[in-house]
Amino acid sequence: MANINVTIRMDEQLKAQADELFSDLGLSLSSAITMFAKQAVREQRIPFEVKRSGTTIQVATDSSVETLSKQLIEKNRMAYEELAK
C-alpha cells in the first residue's frame, strides 16, 4: 500500500513533549499517530474516552495523558510490531 503525507497543526510545546515521550518509547511522532489511527480503525472508535461535561470541555492533565499513552502503546506493542514487519 502506498504511503501519503498528512499535515497536522499542533502547539509547538505539545509537539516537543510528544516527540520526547515517543522517542523514549522508541517511536517517532509519525509512527505514534499511525498507531493511533490503526487502533481507532480497528476498534471503530477513538481508543480512549472523550467526554464533555456541561458547557466546558474536560481536559486531561499532562501526566494522565502520558500514562494513558504508555498504557495504549504497551497494550498494542505486539500488534504494532506485527504491523511493522
N, C-alpha and C. Protein backbone atom coordinates (compact mmCIF):
# COMPACT_ATOMS: atom_id res chain seq x y z
N MET A 1 0.83 -1.17 0.00
CA MET A 1 0.00 0.00 0.00
C MET A 1 0.88 1.24 0.00
N ALA A 2 0.54 2.22 -0.78
CA ALA A 2 1.33 3.45 -0.88
C ALA A 2 1.12 4.33 0.35
N ASN A 3 2.19 4.99 0.78
CA ASN A 3 2.10 5.95 1.88
C ASN A 3 1.81 7.33 1.31
N ILE A 4 1.10 8.14 2.08
CA ILE A 4 0.84 9.52 1.71
C ILE A 4 1.29 10.42 2.85
N ASN A 5 1.52 11.68 2.55
CA ASN A 5 1.86 12.65 3.57
C ASN A 5 0.59 13.26 4.13
N VAL A 6 0.57 13.46 5.44
CA VAL A 6 -0.55 14.09 6.13
C VAL A 6 0.04 15.24 6.95
N THR A 7 -0.55 16.40 6.85
CA THR A 7 -0.07 17.56 7.59
C THR A 7 -1.04 17.85 8.72
N ILE A 8 -0.51 18.01 9.93
CA ILE A 8 -1.34 18.38 11.07
C ILE A 8 -0.75 19.61 11.74
N ARG A 9 -1.59 20.34 12.43
CA ARG A 9 -1.13 21.52 13.17
C ARG A 9 -1.29 21.21 14.65
N MET A 10 -0.26 21.56 15.44
CA MET A 10 -0.35 21.43 16.88
C MET A 10 0.57 22.45 17.52
N ASP A 11 0.31 22.72 18.76
CA ASP A 11 1.12 23.64 19.54
C ASP A 11 2.57 23.17 19.56
N GLU A 12 3.48 24.12 19.42
CA GLU A 12 4.91 23.80 19.36
C GLU A 12 5.39 23.06 20.61
N GLN A 13 4.91 23.49 21.78
CA GLN A 13 5.32 22.85 23.03
C GLN A 13 4.76 21.43 23.12
N LEU A 14 3.52 21.23 22.69
CA LEU A 14 2.93 19.90 22.69
C LEU A 14 3.72 18.97 21.77
N LYS A 15 4.11 19.45 20.61
CA LYS A 15 4.90 18.63 19.68
C LYS A 15 6.22 18.22 20.30
N ALA A 16 6.89 19.17 20.96
CA ALA A 16 8.17 18.87 21.60
C ALA A 16 8.00 17.81 22.69
N GLN A 17 6.93 17.95 23.49
CA GLN A 17 6.67 16.99 24.54
C GLN A 17 6.33 15.62 23.96
N ALA A 18 5.53 15.60 22.91
CA ALA A 18 5.17 14.34 22.27
C ALA A 18 6.39 13.68 21.64
N ASP A 19 7.23 14.47 20.97
CA ASP A 19 8.47 13.93 20.39
C ASP A 19 9.33 13.28 21.47
N GLU A 20 9.46 13.94 22.61
CA GLU A 20 10.28 13.40 23.71
C GLU A 20 9.68 12.10 24.25
N LEU A 21 8.38 12.11 24.49
CA LEU A 21 7.71 10.91 25.01
C LEU A 21 7.85 9.74 24.04
N PHE A 22 7.50 9.97 22.78
CA PHE A 22 7.53 8.88 21.82
C PHE A 22 8.95 8.41 21.56
N SER A 23 9.91 9.31 21.60
CA SER A 23 11.31 8.93 21.45
C SER A 23 11.72 7.99 22.59
N ASP A 24 11.31 8.33 23.81
CA ASP A 24 11.60 7.47 24.96
C ASP A 24 10.99 6.09 24.80
N LEU A 25 9.88 6.02 24.08
CA LEU A 25 9.20 4.75 23.84
C LEU A 25 9.68 4.05 22.57
N GLY A 26 10.67 4.65 21.90
CA GLY A 26 11.22 4.05 20.69
C GLY A 26 10.38 4.30 19.45
N LEU A 27 9.58 5.37 19.47
CA LEU A 27 8.70 5.68 18.35
C LEU A 27 8.94 7.09 17.84
N SER A 28 8.55 7.33 16.61
CA SER A 28 8.52 8.69 16.09
C SER A 28 7.10 9.21 16.27
N LEU A 29 6.92 10.51 16.16
CA LEU A 29 5.59 11.09 16.23
C LEU A 29 4.72 10.51 15.12
N SER A 30 5.28 10.36 13.95
CA SER A 30 4.55 9.80 12.82
C SER A 30 4.07 8.38 13.11
N SER A 31 4.95 7.52 13.66
CA SER A 31 4.54 6.15 13.94
C SER A 31 3.50 6.10 15.06
N ALA A 32 3.61 7.01 16.04
CA ALA A 32 2.62 7.05 17.12
C ALA A 32 1.25 7.45 16.59
N ILE A 33 1.22 8.43 15.70
CA ILE A 33 -0.06 8.86 15.12
C ILE A 33 -0.62 7.75 14.24
N THR A 34 0.24 7.05 13.52
CA THR A 34 -0.21 5.91 12.72
C THR A 34 -0.78 4.81 13.61
N MET A 35 -0.13 4.56 14.76
CA MET A 35 -0.65 3.57 15.71
C MET A 35 -2.03 3.98 16.20
N PHE A 36 -2.18 5.27 16.53
CA PHE A 36 -3.48 5.78 16.98
C PHE A 36 -4.54 5.53 15.91
N ALA A 37 -4.23 5.88 14.67
CA ALA A 37 -5.20 5.72 13.58
C ALA A 37 -5.55 4.25 13.36
N LYS A 38 -4.55 3.37 13.40
CA LYS A 38 -4.82 1.95 13.21
C LYS A 38 -5.69 1.40 14.33
N GLN A 39 -5.41 1.82 15.57
CA GLN A 39 -6.20 1.35 16.70
C GLN A 39 -7.64 1.87 16.60
N ALA A 40 -7.79 3.13 16.21
CA ALA A 40 -9.13 3.71 16.06
C ALA A 40 -9.93 2.96 14.99
N VAL A 41 -9.29 2.66 13.88
CA VAL A 41 -9.96 1.91 12.81
C VAL A 41 -10.29 0.50 13.29
N ARG A 42 -9.35 -0.13 13.97
CA ARG A 42 -9.56 -1.49 14.46
C ARG A 42 -10.76 -1.55 15.42
N GLU A 43 -10.83 -0.57 16.34
CA GLU A 43 -11.89 -0.56 17.35
C GLU A 43 -13.15 0.18 16.89
N GLN A 44 -13.03 0.90 15.76
CA GLN A 44 -14.14 1.71 15.24
C GLN A 44 -14.60 2.75 16.26
N ARG A 45 -13.61 3.35 16.94
CA ARG A 45 -13.87 4.41 17.91
C ARG A 45 -12.55 5.07 18.26
N ILE A 46 -12.63 6.21 18.92
CA ILE A 46 -11.41 6.81 19.46
C ILE A 46 -10.97 5.91 20.60
N PRO A 47 -9.72 5.46 20.62
CA PRO A 47 -9.31 4.42 21.58
C PRO A 47 -9.08 4.94 23.01
N PHE A 48 -9.73 6.00 23.38
CA PHE A 48 -9.75 6.47 24.76
C PHE A 48 -11.00 7.32 24.93
N GLU A 49 -11.38 7.56 26.17
CA GLU A 49 -12.62 8.27 26.43
C GLU A 49 -12.48 9.76 26.18
N VAL A 50 -13.44 10.31 25.46
CA VAL A 50 -13.53 11.75 25.23
C VAL A 50 -14.93 12.14 25.70
N LYS A 51 -14.99 13.07 26.64
CA LYS A 51 -16.31 13.43 27.12
C LYS A 51 -16.41 14.93 27.38
N ARG A 52 -17.62 15.37 27.42
CA ARG A 52 -17.90 16.77 27.67
C ARG A 52 -18.86 16.86 28.85
N SER A 53 -18.57 17.74 29.76
CA SER A 53 -19.40 17.90 30.94
C SER A 53 -19.99 19.31 30.93
N GLY A 54 -21.31 19.40 30.79
CA GLY A 54 -21.94 20.71 30.74
C GLY A 54 -21.47 21.49 29.53
N THR A 55 -21.06 22.73 29.73
CA THR A 55 -20.60 23.56 28.63
C THR A 55 -19.08 23.68 28.57
N THR A 56 -18.39 23.05 29.52
CA THR A 56 -16.93 23.10 29.50
C THR A 56 -16.37 21.76 29.05
N ILE A 57 -15.27 21.81 28.37
CA ILE A 57 -14.62 20.59 27.91
C ILE A 57 -13.61 20.15 28.96
N GLN A 58 -13.67 18.89 29.33
CA GLN A 58 -12.73 18.33 30.29
C GLN A 58 -11.40 18.08 29.57
N VAL A 59 -10.33 18.60 30.12
CA VAL A 59 -9.02 18.40 29.53
C VAL A 59 -8.18 17.60 30.51
N ALA A 60 -7.62 16.52 30.02
CA ALA A 60 -6.81 15.67 30.87
C ALA A 60 -5.50 16.36 31.21
N THR A 61 -4.94 16.02 32.36
CA THR A 61 -3.64 16.57 32.75
C THR A 61 -2.56 15.92 31.90
N ASP A 62 -1.42 16.59 31.80
CA ASP A 62 -0.31 16.05 31.03
C ASP A 62 0.09 14.67 31.54
N SER A 63 0.11 14.49 32.86
CA SER A 63 0.55 13.21 33.42
C SER A 63 -0.45 12.10 33.09
N SER A 64 -1.75 12.40 33.10
CA SER A 64 -2.72 11.36 32.78
C SER A 64 -2.66 11.00 31.30
N VAL A 65 -2.42 11.98 30.44
CA VAL A 65 -2.27 11.70 29.01
C VAL A 65 -1.02 10.85 28.78
N GLU A 66 0.06 11.17 29.47
CA GLU A 66 1.30 10.39 29.34
C GLU A 66 1.08 8.96 29.80
N THR A 67 0.40 8.79 30.94
CA THR A 67 0.12 7.46 31.46
C THR A 67 -0.75 6.67 30.49
N LEU A 68 -1.80 7.30 29.99
CA LEU A 68 -2.68 6.65 29.03
C LEU A 68 -1.93 6.28 27.75
N SER A 69 -1.07 7.18 27.29
CA SER A 69 -0.28 6.91 26.08
C SER A 69 0.61 5.70 26.28
N LYS A 70 1.27 5.63 27.43
CA LYS A 70 2.15 4.49 27.72
C LYS A 70 1.35 3.20 27.78
N GLN A 71 0.17 3.24 28.43
CA GLN A 71 -0.67 2.05 28.52
C GLN A 71 -1.14 1.61 27.13
N LEU A 72 -1.56 2.56 26.32
CA LEU A 72 -2.02 2.25 24.97
C LEU A 72 -0.90 1.65 24.13
N ILE A 73 0.28 2.24 24.23
CA ILE A 73 1.41 1.74 23.45
C ILE A 73 1.80 0.34 23.91
N GLU A 74 1.87 0.12 25.23
CA GLU A 74 2.23 -1.20 25.73
C GLU A 74 1.17 -2.24 25.35
N LYS A 75 -0.10 -1.85 25.47
CA LYS A 75 -1.19 -2.76 25.13
C LYS A 75 -1.12 -3.19 23.67
N ASN A 76 -0.67 -2.28 22.83
CA ASN A 76 -0.69 -2.55 21.40
C ASN A 76 0.69 -2.76 20.79
N ARG A 77 1.71 -2.89 21.63
CA ARG A 77 3.08 -3.05 21.14
C ARG A 77 3.20 -4.28 20.22
N MET A 78 2.61 -5.40 20.64
CA MET A 78 2.72 -6.60 19.82
C MET A 78 2.04 -6.40 18.47
N ALA A 79 0.88 -5.76 18.47
CA ALA A 79 0.18 -5.50 17.21
C ALA A 79 0.99 -4.57 16.34
N TYR A 80 1.60 -3.56 16.94
CA TYR A 80 2.43 -2.63 16.19
C TYR A 80 3.63 -3.35 15.58
N GLU A 81 4.28 -4.19 16.39
CA GLU A 81 5.44 -4.92 15.88
C GLU A 81 5.04 -5.83 14.72
N GLU A 82 3.87 -6.44 14.81
CA GLU A 82 3.39 -7.29 13.72
C GLU A 82 3.10 -6.46 12.47
N LEU A 83 2.49 -5.29 12.66
CA LEU A 83 2.19 -4.42 11.51
C LEU A 83 3.44 -3.82 10.91
N ALA A 84 4.48 -3.65 11.72
CA ALA A 84 5.71 -3.01 11.26
C ALA A 84 6.57 -3.95 10.43
N LYS A 85 6.25 -5.23 10.44
CA LYS A 85 7.06 -6.22 9.69
C LYS A 85 6.94 -5.99 8.22
